[in-house]
C-alpha cells in the first residue's frame, strides 16, 4: 500500500505489530488488523488513534478479493523504462 507522499506502508508501520499485540491479524493487502473490534477494549487503546493506518477495511478486503490479488506469485511488467 502506498501513502499519498509516495512512501510505502509496511507491516512494521502498524500499531498492532509495533506493540506485539496477540490479537493482531495482518491483512495481506494493506497490513491493517483484521481482528479490530473483536477485542474492543484492547483495540481501542492500541489502534484507534489512526484507523486508516492500523485497521483493515474488511468490506473491501474480503477473502475472495484477497485470493484474487495474491494469486500470482510473479507479475510480469512490460516496458519498465
N, C-alpha and C. Protein backbone atom coordinates (compact mmCIF):
# COMPACT_ATOMS: atom_id res chain seq x y z
N UNK A 1 0.84 -1.18 0.00
CA UNK A 1 0.00 0.00 0.00
C UNK A 1 0.89 1.24 0.00
N UNK A 2 0.48 2.24 -0.75
CA UNK A 2 1.29 3.45 -0.86
C UNK A 2 0.55 4.65 -0.29
N UNK A 3 1.28 5.45 0.49
CA UNK A 3 0.72 6.68 1.04
C UNK A 3 0.74 7.78 -0.02
N UNK A 4 0.04 8.85 0.24
CA UNK A 4 -0.02 9.97 -0.71
C UNK A 4 1.34 10.62 -0.92
N UNK A 5 2.21 10.58 0.08
CA UNK A 5 3.52 11.21 -0.07
C UNK A 5 4.51 10.33 -0.83
N UNK A 6 4.07 9.16 -1.28
CA UNK A 6 4.91 8.30 -2.09
C UNK A 6 5.59 7.18 -1.33
N UNK A 7 5.59 7.22 0.00
CA UNK A 7 6.22 6.15 0.76
C UNK A 7 5.26 4.96 0.83
N UNK A 8 5.81 3.80 1.06
CA UNK A 8 5.02 2.58 1.12
C UNK A 8 4.78 2.15 2.56
N UNK A 9 3.59 1.66 2.83
CA UNK A 9 3.23 1.17 4.16
C UNK A 9 3.73 -0.27 4.28
N UNK A 10 4.32 -0.58 5.41
CA UNK A 10 4.76 -1.94 5.68
C UNK A 10 4.06 -2.45 6.93
N UNK A 11 4.18 -3.73 7.17
CA UNK A 11 3.56 -4.32 8.35
C UNK A 11 4.12 -3.69 9.63
N UNK A 12 5.40 -3.31 9.62
CA UNK A 12 6.05 -2.72 10.79
C UNK A 12 5.50 -1.34 11.13
N UNK A 13 4.77 -0.71 10.23
CA UNK A 13 4.19 0.61 10.48
C UNK A 13 2.94 0.56 11.35
N UNK A 14 2.32 -0.58 11.49
CA UNK A 14 1.05 -0.67 12.22
C UNK A 14 1.28 -0.80 13.73
N UNK A 15 0.34 -0.27 14.49
CA UNK A 15 0.43 -0.32 15.95
C UNK A 15 0.38 -1.76 16.47
N UNK A 16 -0.42 -2.60 15.84
CA UNK A 16 -0.53 -3.99 16.28
C UNK A 16 0.80 -4.71 16.22
N UNK A 17 1.57 -4.46 15.17
CA UNK A 17 2.89 -5.07 15.03
C UNK A 17 3.87 -4.45 16.02
N UNK A 18 3.87 -3.13 16.13
CA UNK A 18 4.82 -2.44 16.99
C UNK A 18 4.62 -2.78 18.46
N UNK A 19 3.38 -2.97 18.87
CA UNK A 19 3.09 -3.29 20.27
C UNK A 19 3.02 -4.78 20.54
N UNK A 20 3.35 -5.59 19.53
CA UNK A 20 3.34 -7.04 19.64
C UNK A 20 1.99 -7.53 20.17
N UNK A 21 0.91 -7.02 19.60
CA UNK A 21 -0.44 -7.37 20.03
C UNK A 21 -0.73 -8.82 19.66
N UNK A 22 -1.20 -9.59 20.62
CA UNK A 22 -1.50 -11.00 20.37
C UNK A 22 -2.73 -11.17 19.48
N UNK A 23 -3.56 -10.14 19.38
CA UNK A 23 -4.77 -10.21 18.55
C UNK A 23 -4.55 -9.69 17.13
N UNK A 24 -3.36 -9.19 16.85
CA UNK A 24 -3.07 -8.60 15.54
C UNK A 24 -3.07 -9.68 14.46
N UNK A 25 -3.95 -9.52 13.48
CA UNK A 25 -4.05 -10.43 12.34
C UNK A 25 -3.88 -9.58 11.09
N UNK A 26 -2.68 -9.54 10.50
CA UNK A 26 -2.43 -8.62 9.39
C UNK A 26 -3.13 -9.03 8.10
N UNK A 27 -3.68 -8.05 7.43
CA UNK A 27 -4.27 -8.24 6.10
C UNK A 27 -3.11 -8.34 5.11
N UNK A 28 -3.13 -9.30 4.20
CA UNK A 28 -2.03 -9.42 3.24
C UNK A 28 -1.98 -8.29 2.22
N UNK A 29 -3.06 -7.50 2.11
CA UNK A 29 -3.07 -6.41 1.14
C UNK A 29 -2.66 -5.07 1.75
N UNK A 30 -3.18 -4.74 2.93
CA UNK A 30 -2.93 -3.41 3.49
C UNK A 30 -2.18 -3.46 4.83
N UNK A 31 -1.94 -4.64 5.37
CA UNK A 31 -1.25 -4.85 6.65
C UNK A 31 -2.03 -4.35 7.86
N UNK A 32 -3.23 -3.84 7.67
CA UNK A 32 -4.06 -3.43 8.80
C UNK A 32 -4.59 -4.65 9.53
N UNK A 33 -5.02 -4.47 10.76
CA UNK A 33 -5.50 -5.58 11.57
C UNK A 33 -6.90 -6.00 11.12
N UNK A 34 -7.09 -7.29 10.91
CA UNK A 34 -8.39 -7.81 10.52
C UNK A 34 -9.24 -8.18 11.73
N UNK A 35 -8.67 -8.17 12.93
CA UNK A 35 -9.41 -8.52 14.14
C UNK A 35 -9.90 -7.31 14.91
N UNK A 36 -9.76 -6.12 14.37
CA UNK A 36 -10.15 -4.92 15.10
C UNK A 36 -11.62 -4.96 15.46
N UNK A 37 -11.93 -4.64 16.70
CA UNK A 37 -13.32 -4.60 17.16
C UNK A 37 -13.74 -5.85 17.88
N UNK A 38 -13.12 -6.98 17.55
CA UNK A 38 -13.46 -8.22 18.23
C UNK A 38 -12.99 -8.16 19.69
N UNK A 39 -11.83 -7.59 19.89
CA UNK A 39 -11.27 -7.42 21.23
C UNK A 39 -11.33 -5.93 21.57
N UNK A 40 -12.50 -5.41 21.71
CA UNK A 40 -12.76 -3.97 21.70
C UNK A 40 -11.92 -3.14 22.67
N UNK A 41 -11.80 -3.54 23.92
CA UNK A 41 -11.06 -2.72 24.90
C UNK A 41 -9.60 -2.58 24.51
N UNK A 42 -8.97 -3.68 24.20
CA UNK A 42 -7.55 -3.64 23.84
C UNK A 42 -7.36 -2.90 22.51
N UNK A 43 -8.25 -3.12 21.57
CA UNK A 43 -8.16 -2.46 20.26
C UNK A 43 -8.29 -0.94 20.40
N UNK A 44 -9.21 -0.50 21.24
CA UNK A 44 -9.41 0.93 21.40
C UNK A 44 -8.19 1.62 21.97
N UNK A 45 -7.49 0.96 22.88
CA UNK A 45 -6.32 1.60 23.48
C UNK A 45 -5.12 1.58 22.55
N UNK A 46 -4.95 0.54 21.77
CA UNK A 46 -3.75 0.42 20.93
C UNK A 46 -3.89 1.04 19.54
N UNK A 47 -5.00 0.79 18.87
CA UNK A 47 -5.06 1.08 17.43
C UNK A 47 -6.06 2.13 17.00
N UNK A 48 -6.86 2.64 17.89
CA UNK A 48 -7.93 3.54 17.45
C UNK A 48 -7.43 4.94 17.08
N UNK A 49 -6.15 5.24 17.32
CA UNK A 49 -5.66 6.59 17.02
C UNK A 49 -5.54 6.87 15.52
N UNK A 50 -5.38 5.85 14.70
CA UNK A 50 -5.27 6.05 13.25
C UNK A 50 -5.88 4.85 12.53
N UNK A 51 -7.17 4.94 12.24
CA UNK A 51 -7.87 3.82 11.62
C UNK A 51 -7.31 3.47 10.24
N UNK A 52 -6.99 4.45 9.44
CA UNK A 52 -6.52 4.19 8.08
C UNK A 52 -5.19 3.43 8.08
N UNK A 53 -4.35 3.72 9.05
CA UNK A 53 -3.03 3.07 9.12
C UNK A 53 -3.10 1.71 9.80
N UNK A 54 -3.95 1.57 10.82
CA UNK A 54 -3.90 0.38 11.67
C UNK A 54 -4.97 -0.67 11.43
N UNK A 55 -6.04 -0.32 10.72
CA UNK A 55 -7.17 -1.24 10.64
C UNK A 55 -7.51 -1.54 9.19
N UNK A 56 -7.75 -2.81 8.90
CA UNK A 56 -8.10 -3.25 7.55
C UNK A 56 -9.56 -2.91 7.25
N UNK A 57 -9.82 -2.52 6.02
CA UNK A 57 -11.19 -2.31 5.55
C UNK A 57 -11.71 -3.68 5.09
N UNK A 58 -12.36 -4.40 6.01
CA UNK A 58 -12.80 -5.77 5.72
C UNK A 58 -13.92 -5.83 4.69
N UNK A 59 -14.63 -4.73 4.49
CA UNK A 59 -15.67 -4.71 3.46
C UNK A 59 -15.03 -4.76 2.07
N UNK A 60 -13.89 -4.12 1.92
CA UNK A 60 -13.18 -4.10 0.65
C UNK A 60 -12.24 -5.29 0.50
N UNK A 61 -11.58 -5.67 1.57
CA UNK A 61 -10.60 -6.77 1.53
C UNK A 61 -11.25 -8.07 2.01
N UNK A 62 -12.17 -8.57 1.23
CA UNK A 62 -12.84 -9.83 1.54
C UNK A 62 -11.90 -10.99 1.19
N UNK A 63 -12.13 -12.17 1.75
CA UNK A 63 -11.28 -13.31 1.38
C UNK A 63 -11.25 -13.57 -0.13
N UNK A 64 -12.36 -13.35 -0.79
CA UNK A 64 -12.40 -13.55 -2.24
C UNK A 64 -11.49 -12.55 -2.96
N UNK A 65 -11.55 -11.28 -2.56
CA UNK A 65 -10.69 -10.27 -3.19
C UNK A 65 -9.22 -10.51 -2.88
N UNK A 66 -8.93 -10.94 -1.66
CA UNK A 66 -7.54 -11.24 -1.29
C UNK A 66 -7.01 -12.38 -2.14
N UNK A 67 -7.83 -13.41 -2.35
CA UNK A 67 -7.40 -14.55 -3.17
C UNK A 67 -7.11 -14.12 -4.60
N UNK A 68 -7.90 -13.19 -5.13
CA UNK A 68 -7.65 -12.70 -6.48
C UNK A 68 -6.34 -11.92 -6.56
N UNK A 69 -6.07 -11.11 -5.54
CA UNK A 69 -4.89 -10.23 -5.56
C UNK A 69 -3.59 -10.99 -5.33
N UNK A 70 -3.62 -12.02 -4.52
CA UNK A 70 -2.39 -12.69 -4.14
C UNK A 70 -2.23 -14.02 -4.88
N UNK A 71 -2.98 -14.22 -5.92
CA UNK A 71 -2.99 -15.48 -6.61
C UNK A 71 -1.70 -15.76 -7.37
N UNK A 72 -1.18 -14.78 -8.07
CA UNK A 72 0.02 -14.99 -8.87
C UNK A 72 1.26 -14.64 -8.07
N UNK A 73 2.24 -15.50 -8.13
CA UNK A 73 3.48 -15.24 -7.40
C UNK A 73 4.39 -14.29 -8.17
N UNK A 74 4.32 -14.32 -9.49
CA UNK A 74 5.15 -13.45 -10.31
C UNK A 74 4.23 -12.65 -11.23
N UNK A 75 4.40 -11.36 -11.23
CA UNK A 75 3.63 -10.50 -12.11
C UNK A 75 4.61 -9.88 -13.10
N UNK A 76 4.40 -10.16 -14.36
CA UNK A 76 5.31 -9.65 -15.39
C UNK A 76 4.86 -8.26 -15.83
N UNK A 77 5.77 -7.32 -15.74
CA UNK A 77 5.52 -5.96 -16.19
C UNK A 77 6.30 -5.70 -17.46
N UNK A 78 5.63 -5.05 -18.40
CA UNK A 78 6.30 -4.79 -19.67
C UNK A 78 6.74 -3.33 -19.75
N UNK A 79 7.82 -3.11 -20.46
CA UNK A 79 8.34 -1.76 -20.75
C UNK A 79 8.50 -0.91 -19.49
N UNK A 80 9.32 -1.32 -18.60
CA UNK A 80 9.59 -0.57 -17.37
C UNK A 80 10.76 0.38 -17.61
N UNK A 81 10.60 1.34 -18.48
CA UNK A 81 11.68 2.29 -18.80
C UNK A 81 11.54 3.55 -18.00
